[in-house]
Amino acid sequence: MTAREIRIFGDPVLRTVCAPIDEIDDGVRSLVADLIDSVKLPGRAGVAAPQIGVAVRAFSYNIDGDVGYVLNPVLTEVRGDPVPTGEGCLSVPNLWHDALRHPWARVEGIDLDGNPVVLEGEGLLAQALQHETDHLDGKLYLSRLTPEDRKIAMRQVRESDWF
């Protein structure tokens, strides 16, 4: 398929609570292929469907060379108190801030055959699982910043050349 253009802060699809995937058809298969192609580009740990303009519950990931996807993911468990974790987002280009994330996370969903998928882990994987499921709930990582950092980040967005 193809790597798709990433939607940028301000696009309404990024604030949309995504619909579950009720039927796995050729459109969903094509979406997954595009998500995989999009996440394989250098410097990408995850791409959620709304980031490529599709408001359904699906994301791809690329963590330490392990590339995959999850349909209808649900963040089912987190462990540990949230800690500041350096984070950026393709939909908020060139900004990097400490988002508050749990150090361990589990996501459960399905694959294209309807089989259960469970992803769990710590570090970058835990961060990506939380980040991508946030996208599916219409949230950007900016909502996970401390109030002071959020003010700074929003000023940077307003002053950016892409906004």
N, C-alpha and C. Protein backbone atom coordinates (compact mmCIF):
# COMPACT_ATOMS: atom_id res chain seq x y z
N MET A 1 0.84 -1.17 0.00
CA MET A 1 0.00 0.00 0.00
C MET A 1 0.90 1.24 0.00
N THR A 2 0.68 2.15 0.97
CA THR A 2 1.46 3.38 0.93
C THR A 2 1.53 4.04 2.30
N ALA A 3 2.65 4.73 2.51
CA ALA A 3 2.75 5.56 3.72
C ALA A 3 1.87 6.78 3.49
N ARG A 4 1.04 7.09 4.47
CA ARG A 4 0.07 8.18 4.32
C ARG A 4 0.55 9.43 5.04
N GLU A 5 0.06 10.56 4.58
CA GLU A 5 0.37 11.85 5.20
C GLU A 5 -0.22 11.90 6.60
N ILE A 6 0.56 12.45 7.53
CA ILE A 6 0.13 12.56 8.93
C ILE A 6 -0.68 13.84 9.12
N ARG A 7 -1.83 13.71 9.74
CA ARG A 7 -2.66 14.86 10.08
C ARG A 7 -2.01 15.63 11.23
N ILE A 8 -2.12 16.94 11.18
CA ILE A 8 -1.44 17.83 12.11
C ILE A 8 -2.43 18.47 13.09
N PHE A 9 -1.92 18.80 14.27
CA PHE A 9 -2.68 19.48 15.32
C PHE A 9 -3.62 20.51 14.69
N GLY A 10 -4.87 20.48 15.13
CA GLY A 10 -5.89 21.37 14.59
C GLY A 10 -6.85 20.64 13.68
N ASP A 11 -6.45 19.51 13.13
CA ASP A 11 -7.34 18.70 12.29
C ASP A 11 -8.37 18.05 13.20
N PRO A 12 -9.66 18.22 12.92
CA PRO A 12 -10.70 17.69 13.81
C PRO A 12 -10.65 16.18 14.02
N VAL A 13 -10.14 15.42 13.07
CA VAL A 13 -10.09 13.97 13.24
C VAL A 13 -9.23 13.57 14.44
N LEU A 14 -8.26 14.42 14.79
CA LEU A 14 -7.38 14.11 15.92
C LEU A 14 -8.08 14.28 17.27
N ARG A 15 -9.22 14.95 17.29
CA ARG A 15 -10.00 15.14 18.52
C ARG A 15 -11.24 14.25 18.55
N THR A 16 -11.33 13.33 17.61
CA THR A 16 -12.49 12.46 17.48
C THR A 16 -12.29 11.17 18.25
N VAL A 17 -13.29 10.78 19.03
CA VAL A 17 -13.27 9.46 19.66
C VAL A 17 -13.59 8.47 18.55
N CYS A 18 -12.68 7.55 18.31
CA CYS A 18 -12.77 6.66 17.16
C CYS A 18 -13.77 5.53 17.38
N ALA A 19 -14.39 5.13 16.28
CA ALA A 19 -15.37 4.05 16.29
C ALA A 19 -14.68 2.69 16.26
N PRO A 20 -15.26 1.70 16.91
CA PRO A 20 -14.69 0.36 16.82
C PRO A 20 -14.86 -0.20 15.41
N ILE A 21 -14.01 -1.13 15.08
CA ILE A 21 -14.09 -1.82 13.79
C ILE A 21 -15.02 -3.01 13.99
N ASP A 22 -16.17 -2.97 13.33
CA ASP A 22 -17.18 -4.02 13.49
C ASP A 22 -17.01 -5.16 12.49
N GLU A 23 -16.45 -4.84 11.32
CA GLU A 23 -16.29 -5.85 10.28
C GLU A 23 -14.91 -5.70 9.65
N ILE A 24 -14.22 -6.81 9.54
CA ILE A 24 -12.91 -6.80 8.90
C ILE A 24 -13.12 -7.10 7.42
N ASP A 25 -12.95 -6.04 6.62
CA ASP A 25 -13.16 -6.15 5.18
C ASP A 25 -11.93 -5.65 4.44
N ASP A 26 -12.02 -5.51 3.12
CA ASP A 26 -10.87 -5.05 2.34
C ASP A 26 -10.44 -3.64 2.74
N GLY A 27 -11.39 -2.79 3.14
CA GLY A 27 -11.03 -1.45 3.58
C GLY A 27 -10.18 -1.47 4.83
N VAL A 28 -10.51 -2.34 5.77
CA VAL A 28 -9.72 -2.47 7.00
C VAL A 28 -8.35 -3.06 6.68
N ARG A 29 -8.31 -4.04 5.79
CA ARG A 29 -7.02 -4.64 5.40
C ARG A 29 -6.12 -3.58 4.75
N SER A 30 -6.71 -2.74 3.92
CA SER A 30 -5.96 -1.66 3.27
C SER A 30 -5.48 -0.64 4.31
N LEU A 31 -6.33 -0.32 5.26
CA LEU A 31 -5.95 0.60 6.33
C LEU A 31 -4.76 0.05 7.11
N VAL A 32 -4.79 -1.22 7.47
CA VAL A 32 -3.68 -1.82 8.22
C VAL A 32 -2.39 -1.76 7.40
N ALA A 33 -2.48 -2.07 6.11
CA ALA A 33 -1.29 -1.99 5.26
C ALA A 33 -0.72 -0.57 5.25
N ASP A 34 -1.60 0.43 5.15
CA ASP A 34 -1.15 1.83 5.16
C ASP A 34 -0.56 2.21 6.52
N LEU A 35 -1.16 1.74 7.62
CA LEU A 35 -0.62 2.02 8.95
C LEU A 35 0.78 1.41 9.10
N ILE A 36 0.96 0.19 8.62
CA ILE A 36 2.26 -0.47 8.70
C ILE A 36 3.29 0.29 7.86
N ASP A 37 2.92 0.63 6.63
CA ASP A 37 3.85 1.39 5.77
C ASP A 37 4.18 2.74 6.39
N SER A 38 3.19 3.37 7.00
CA SER A 38 3.41 4.69 7.61
C SER A 38 4.31 4.63 8.83
N VAL A 39 4.22 3.57 9.63
CA VAL A 39 5.02 3.49 10.86
C VAL A 39 6.45 3.03 10.57
N LYS A 40 6.69 2.46 9.39
CA LYS A 40 8.04 1.97 9.06
C LYS A 40 9.00 3.09 8.69
N LEU A 41 8.50 4.30 8.47
CA LEU A 41 9.39 5.41 8.15
C LEU A 41 10.28 5.71 9.35
N PRO A 42 11.49 6.17 9.12
CA PRO A 42 12.43 6.41 10.22
C PRO A 42 11.88 7.34 11.30
N GLY A 43 12.20 6.99 12.55
CA GLY A 43 11.85 7.83 13.69
C GLY A 43 10.43 7.67 14.19
N ARG A 44 9.73 6.65 13.74
CA ARG A 44 8.34 6.47 14.14
C ARG A 44 8.18 5.25 15.03
N ALA A 45 7.51 5.44 16.17
CA ALA A 45 7.24 4.33 17.10
C ALA A 45 5.79 3.87 16.99
N GLY A 46 4.90 4.72 16.49
CA GLY A 46 3.50 4.36 16.36
C GLY A 46 2.76 5.33 15.48
N VAL A 47 1.72 4.82 14.83
CA VAL A 47 0.82 5.65 14.03
C VAL A 47 -0.59 5.14 14.28
N ALA A 48 -1.46 6.03 14.72
CA ALA A 48 -2.86 5.69 14.96
C ALA A 48 -3.68 6.07 13.74
N ALA A 49 -4.77 5.33 13.50
CA ALA A 49 -5.62 5.57 12.33
C ALA A 49 -6.04 7.04 12.18
N PRO A 50 -6.45 7.74 13.24
CA PRO A 50 -6.84 9.14 13.03
C PRO A 50 -5.68 10.01 12.54
N GLN A 51 -4.46 9.62 12.81
CA GLN A 51 -3.33 10.40 12.33
C GLN A 51 -3.20 10.35 10.81
N ILE A 52 -3.82 9.35 10.19
CA ILE A 52 -3.85 9.31 8.73
C ILE A 52 -5.26 9.56 8.21
N GLY A 53 -6.10 10.14 9.08
CA GLY A 53 -7.41 10.62 8.65
C GLY A 53 -8.56 9.66 8.75
N VAL A 54 -8.38 8.54 9.46
CA VAL A 54 -9.42 7.53 9.56
C VAL A 54 -9.83 7.38 11.03
N ALA A 55 -11.06 7.67 11.36
CA ALA A 55 -11.51 7.70 12.76
C ALA A 55 -12.03 6.33 13.21
N VAL A 56 -11.16 5.33 13.15
CA VAL A 56 -11.49 3.99 13.66
C VAL A 56 -10.39 3.55 14.62
N ARG A 57 -10.71 2.56 15.44
CA ARG A 57 -9.81 2.10 16.49
C ARG A 57 -8.78 1.11 15.94
N ALA A 58 -7.65 1.65 15.50
CA ALA A 58 -6.55 0.84 14.99
C ALA A 58 -5.27 1.65 15.10
N PHE A 59 -4.18 0.96 15.40
CA PHE A 59 -2.87 1.61 15.34
C PHE A 59 -1.80 0.60 14.95
N SER A 60 -0.69 1.15 14.47
CA SER A 60 0.49 0.34 14.17
C SER A 60 1.60 0.78 15.12
N TYR A 61 2.60 -0.09 15.27
CA TYR A 61 3.73 0.23 16.14
C TYR A 61 5.02 -0.29 15.52
N ASN A 62 6.11 0.34 15.91
CA ASN A 62 7.44 -0.03 15.44
C ASN A 62 8.40 0.22 16.60
N ILE A 63 8.54 -0.78 17.45
CA ILE A 63 9.36 -0.65 18.65
C ILE A 63 10.55 -1.60 18.55
N ASP A 64 11.73 -1.02 18.49
CA ASP A 64 12.97 -1.81 18.40
C ASP A 64 12.91 -2.82 17.26
N GLY A 65 12.36 -2.41 16.11
CA GLY A 65 12.29 -3.26 14.94
C GLY A 65 11.12 -4.23 14.93
N ASP A 66 10.34 -4.28 15.99
CA ASP A 66 9.14 -5.12 16.05
C ASP A 66 7.97 -4.28 15.52
N VAL A 67 7.49 -4.63 14.33
CA VAL A 67 6.44 -3.87 13.66
C VAL A 67 5.15 -4.68 13.68
N GLY A 68 4.05 -4.03 14.03
CA GLY A 68 2.77 -4.72 14.05
C GLY A 68 1.63 -3.73 14.14
N TYR A 69 0.45 -4.26 14.43
CA TYR A 69 -0.75 -3.44 14.49
C TYR A 69 -1.73 -4.10 15.48
N VAL A 70 -2.71 -3.33 15.90
CA VAL A 70 -3.79 -3.84 16.74
C VAL A 70 -5.08 -3.16 16.29
N LEU A 71 -6.12 -3.97 16.14
CA LEU A 71 -7.46 -3.45 15.86
C LEU A 71 -8.26 -3.45 17.15
N ASN A 72 -9.08 -2.44 17.32
CA ASN A 72 -9.93 -2.29 18.52
C ASN A 72 -9.13 -2.42 19.82
N PRO A 73 -7.98 -1.76 19.89
CA PRO A 73 -7.18 -1.86 21.11
C PRO A 73 -7.86 -1.20 22.31
N VAL A 74 -7.69 -1.83 23.45
CA VAL A 74 -8.16 -1.30 24.72
C VAL A 74 -7.00 -1.35 25.69
N LEU A 75 -6.72 -0.23 26.32
CA LEU A 75 -5.70 -0.21 27.37
C LEU A 75 -6.31 -0.87 28.59
N THR A 76 -5.90 -2.10 28.88
CA THR A 76 -6.56 -2.88 29.92
C THR A 76 -5.86 -2.82 31.27
N GLU A 77 -4.58 -2.44 31.28
CA GLU A 77 -3.87 -2.37 32.55
C GLU A 77 -2.66 -1.47 32.42
N VAL A 78 -2.42 -0.70 33.45
CA VAL A 78 -1.19 0.07 33.59
C VAL A 78 -0.65 -0.21 34.98
N ARG A 79 0.66 -0.09 35.13
CA ARG A 79 1.28 -0.30 36.43
C ARG A 79 2.27 0.82 36.71
N GLY A 80 2.36 1.13 37.99
CA GLY A 80 3.29 2.16 38.43
C GLY A 80 2.67 3.54 38.34
N ASP A 81 3.19 4.43 39.16
CA ASP A 81 2.73 5.81 39.12
C ASP A 81 3.23 6.48 37.85
N PRO A 82 2.42 7.36 37.26
CA PRO A 82 2.88 8.08 36.07
C PRO A 82 4.15 8.87 36.36
N VAL A 83 5.07 8.82 35.41
CA VAL A 83 6.33 9.54 35.52
C VAL A 83 6.54 10.38 34.26
N PRO A 84 7.26 11.50 34.39
CA PRO A 84 7.55 12.31 33.19
C PRO A 84 8.41 11.52 32.22
N THR A 85 7.95 11.44 30.99
CA THR A 85 8.64 10.68 29.96
C THR A 85 8.77 11.56 28.72
N GLY A 86 9.97 11.77 28.25
CA GLY A 86 10.17 12.56 27.04
C GLY A 86 9.35 12.00 25.90
N GLU A 87 8.56 12.86 25.28
CA GLU A 87 7.63 12.36 24.26
C GLU A 87 7.40 13.42 23.20
N GLY A 88 7.21 12.96 21.98
CA GLY A 88 6.83 13.80 20.87
C GLY A 88 5.67 13.15 20.15
N CYS A 89 5.21 13.78 19.08
CA CYS A 89 4.08 13.23 18.32
C CYS A 89 4.19 13.73 16.88
N LEU A 90 3.98 12.81 15.95
CA LEU A 90 4.01 13.18 14.54
C LEU A 90 2.97 14.25 14.21
N SER A 91 1.88 14.28 14.95
CA SER A 91 0.81 15.25 14.70
C SER A 91 1.06 16.59 15.37
N VAL A 92 2.13 16.68 16.14
CA VAL A 92 2.55 17.93 16.77
C VAL A 92 4.06 18.05 16.49
N PRO A 93 4.41 18.34 15.23
CA PRO A 93 5.81 18.23 14.81
C PRO A 93 6.77 19.13 15.57
N ASN A 94 7.96 18.59 15.75
CA ASN A 94 9.11 19.33 16.28
C ASN A 94 8.98 19.78 17.73
N LEU A 95 8.03 19.22 18.46
CA LEU A 95 7.90 19.53 19.88
C LEU A 95 8.21 18.28 20.68
N TRP A 96 8.85 18.46 21.80
CA TRP A 96 9.22 17.35 22.67
C TRP A 96 9.04 17.80 24.11
N HIS A 97 8.20 17.09 24.85
CA HIS A 97 7.93 17.46 26.24
C HIS A 97 7.81 16.21 27.09
N ASP A 98 7.85 16.39 28.40
CA ASP A 98 7.69 15.28 29.34
C ASP A 98 6.21 15.03 29.60
N ALA A 99 5.68 13.98 28.96
CA ALA A 99 4.30 13.55 29.22
C ALA A 99 4.32 12.61 30.42
N LEU A 100 3.23 12.62 31.18
CA LEU A 100 3.12 11.72 32.32
C LEU A 100 2.56 10.38 31.86
N ARG A 101 3.37 9.33 31.97
CA ARG A 101 2.99 7.99 31.51
C ARG A 101 3.32 6.96 32.56
N HIS A 102 2.50 5.92 32.61
CA HIS A 102 2.78 4.78 33.49
C HIS A 102 3.96 4.00 32.91
N PRO A 103 4.82 3.44 33.75
CA PRO A 103 6.00 2.74 33.24
C PRO A 103 5.71 1.37 32.62
N TRP A 104 4.50 0.84 32.81
CA TRP A 104 4.14 -0.47 32.24
C TRP A 104 2.70 -0.39 31.76
N ALA A 105 2.42 -1.03 30.62
CA ALA A 105 1.06 -0.99 30.08
C ALA A 105 0.75 -2.28 29.31
N ARG A 106 -0.56 -2.57 29.23
CA ARG A 106 -1.07 -3.69 28.43
C ARG A 106 -2.22 -3.20 27.57
N VAL A 107 -2.19 -3.61 26.30
CA VAL A 107 -3.27 -3.35 25.36
C VAL A 107 -3.77 -4.69 24.84
N GLU A 108 -5.09 -4.82 24.74
CA GLU A 108 -5.70 -6.02 24.17
C GLU A 108 -6.58 -5.61 23.00
N GLY A 109 -6.55 -6.38 21.94
CA GLY A 109 -7.36 -6.12 20.76
C GLY A 109 -7.42 -7.37 19.91
N ILE A 110 -7.56 -7.16 18.60
CA ILE A 110 -7.62 -8.29 17.67
C ILE A 110 -6.75 -8.01 16.45
N ASP A 111 -6.50 -9.07 15.67
CA ASP A 111 -5.79 -8.93 14.40
C ASP A 111 -6.79 -9.02 13.25
N LEU A 112 -6.29 -9.05 12.02
CA LEU A 112 -7.15 -9.08 10.85
C LEU A 112 -7.98 -10.35 10.72
N ASP A 113 -7.59 -11.40 11.43
CA ASP A 113 -8.35 -12.64 11.42
C ASP A 113 -9.32 -12.74 12.59
N GLY A 114 -9.38 -11.69 13.40
CA GLY A 114 -10.26 -11.70 14.57
C GLY A 114 -9.66 -12.39 15.78
N ASN A 115 -8.37 -12.78 15.67
CA ASN A 115 -7.70 -13.44 16.79
C ASN A 115 -7.28 -12.42 17.84
N PRO A 116 -7.28 -12.82 19.12
CA PRO A 116 -6.85 -11.90 20.17
C PRO A 116 -5.38 -11.49 20.02
N VAL A 117 -5.12 -10.24 20.33
CA VAL A 117 -3.76 -9.70 20.36
C VAL A 117 -3.56 -9.07 21.74
N VAL A 118 -2.46 -9.40 22.39
CA VAL A 118 -2.10 -8.78 23.66
C VAL A 118 -0.68 -8.24 23.52
N LEU A 119 -0.53 -6.95 23.77
CA LEU A 119 0.79 -6.32 23.81
C LEU A 119 0.97 -5.77 25.20
N GLU A 120 2.12 -6.07 25.80
CA GLU A 120 2.39 -5.52 27.12
C GLU A 120 3.88 -5.33 27.28
N GLY A 121 4.22 -4.35 28.08
CA GLY A 121 5.63 -4.11 28.32
C GLY A 121 5.88 -2.80 29.01
N GLU A 122 7.17 -2.51 29.12
CA GLU A 122 7.59 -1.30 29.79
C GLU A 122 8.40 -0.44 28.85
N GLY A 123 8.85 0.69 29.34
CA GLY A 123 9.69 1.57 28.55
C GLY A 123 8.96 2.14 27.36
N LEU A 124 9.65 2.17 26.21
CA LEU A 124 9.09 2.76 25.00
C LEU A 124 7.81 2.07 24.56
N LEU A 125 7.72 0.74 24.74
CA LEU A 125 6.50 0.04 24.36
C LEU A 125 5.32 0.52 25.21
N ALA A 126 5.51 0.61 26.52
CA ALA A 126 4.43 1.08 27.41
C ALA A 126 4.01 2.50 27.02
N GLN A 127 4.98 3.33 26.74
CA GLN A 127 4.69 4.71 26.35
C GLN A 127 3.90 4.74 25.04
N ALA A 128 4.32 3.95 24.06
CA ALA A 128 3.64 3.93 22.77
C ALA A 128 2.21 3.40 22.89
N LEU A 129 2.02 2.36 23.69
CA LEU A 129 0.68 1.82 23.87
C LEU A 129 -0.26 2.86 24.44
N GLN A 130 0.21 3.62 25.42
CA GLN A 130 -0.62 4.66 26.02
C GLN A 130 -0.84 5.81 25.04
N HIS A 131 0.20 6.20 24.33
CA HIS A 131 0.13 7.31 23.38
C HIS A 131 -0.86 6.99 22.25
N GLU A 132 -0.74 5.80 21.69
CA GLU A 132 -1.60 5.45 20.55
C GLU A 132 -3.06 5.25 20.97
N THR A 133 -3.30 4.63 22.12
CA THR A 133 -4.70 4.49 22.56
C THR A 133 -5.29 5.86 22.91
N ASP A 134 -4.47 6.78 23.40
CA ASP A 134 -4.96 8.15 23.61
C ASP A 134 -5.46 8.74 22.29
N HIS A 135 -4.70 8.55 21.21
CA HIS A 135 -5.14 9.06 19.90
C HIS A 135 -6.53 8.55 19.56
N LEU A 136 -6.79 7.28 19.86
CA LEU A 136 -8.07 6.68 19.50
C LEU A 136 -9.21 7.22 20.36
N ASP A 137 -8.86 7.84 21.47
CA ASP A 137 -9.85 8.48 22.34
C ASP A 137 -9.92 9.99 22.10
N GLY A 138 -9.29 10.45 21.02
CA GLY A 138 -9.34 11.87 20.67
C GLY A 138 -8.43 12.75 21.49
N LYS A 139 -7.37 12.16 22.07
CA LYS A 139 -6.45 12.92 22.91
C LYS A 139 -5.06 12.95 22.30
N LEU A 140 -4.42 14.10 22.40
CA LEU A 140 -3.02 14.23 22.02
C LEU A 140 -2.17 14.20 23.27
N TYR A 141 -0.89 13.92 23.10
CA TYR A 141 -0.02 13.81 24.26
C TYR A 141 0.06 15.11 25.05
N LEU A 142 -0.29 16.21 24.43
CA LEU A 142 -0.28 17.50 25.14
C LEU A 142 -1.18 17.47 26.37
N SER A 143 -2.23 16.65 26.32
CA SER A 143 -3.14 16.56 27.47
C SER A 143 -2.49 15.82 28.65
N ARG A 144 -1.37 15.17 28.42
CA ARG A 144 -0.66 14.43 29.48
C ARG A 144 0.49 15.24 30.08
N LEU A 145 0.59 16.51 29.72
CA LEU A 145 1.64 17.37 30.26
C LEU A 145 1.16 18.02 31.55
N THR A 146 2.11 18.43 32.37
CA THR A 146 1.75 19.22 33.54
C THR A 146 1.15 20.54 33.04
N PRO A 147 0.33 21.20 33.84
CA PRO A 147 -0.26 22.46 33.38
C PRO A 147 0.79 23.48 32.91
N GLU A 148 1.90 23.58 33.62
CA GLU A 148 2.94 24.53 33.22
C GLU A 148 3.54 24.15 31.87
N ASP A 149 3.86 22.86 31.69
CA ASP A 149 4.43 22.41 30.41
C ASP A 149 3.42 22.54 29.28
N ARG A 150 2.14 22.33 29.57
CA ARG A 150 1.10 22.47 28.54
C ARG A 150 1.04 23.90 28.03
N LYS A 151 1.15 24.88 28.94
CA LYS A 151 1.15 26.28 28.52
C LYS A 151 2.33 26.56 27.59
N ILE A 152 3.49 26.06 27.95
CA ILE A 152 4.69 26.24 27.11
C ILE A 152 4.48 25.58 25.75
N ALA A 153 3.98 24.34 25.77
CA ALA A 153 3.78 23.61 24.52
C ALA A 153 2.77 24.32 23.62
N MET A 154 1.69 24.80 24.19
CA MET A 154 0.67 25.47 23.38
C MET A 154 1.22 26.78 22.78
N ARG A 155 2.07 27.47 23.52
CA ARG A 155 2.71 28.66 22.95
C ARG A 155 3.61 28.26 21.78
N GLN A 156 4.34 27.14 21.93
CA GLN A 156 5.19 26.66 20.85
C GLN A 156 4.36 26.26 19.62
N VAL A 157 3.20 25.66 19.86
CA VAL A 157 2.31 25.31 18.73
C VAL A 157 1.90 26.59 18.00
N ARG A 158 1.43 27.60 18.74
CA ARG A 158 0.97 28.83 18.12
C ARG A 158 2.09 29.54 17.34
N GLU A 159 3.31 29.40 17.83
CA GLU A 159 4.45 30.06 17.17
C GLU A 159 5.09 29.21 16.08
N SER A 160 4.63 27.98 15.91
CA SER A 160 5.25 27.07 14.94
C SER A 160 4.92 27.52 13.50
N ASP A 161 5.74 27.06 12.58
CA ASP A 161 5.50 27.40 11.18
C ASP A 161 4.51 26.45 10.51
N TRP A 162 4.08 25.42 11.21
CA TRP A 162 3.14 24.46 10.63
C TRP A 162 1.70 24.66 11.11
N PHE A 163 1.50 25.50 12.12
CA PHE A 163 0.15 25.67 12.67
C PHE A 163 -0.60 26.75 11.94
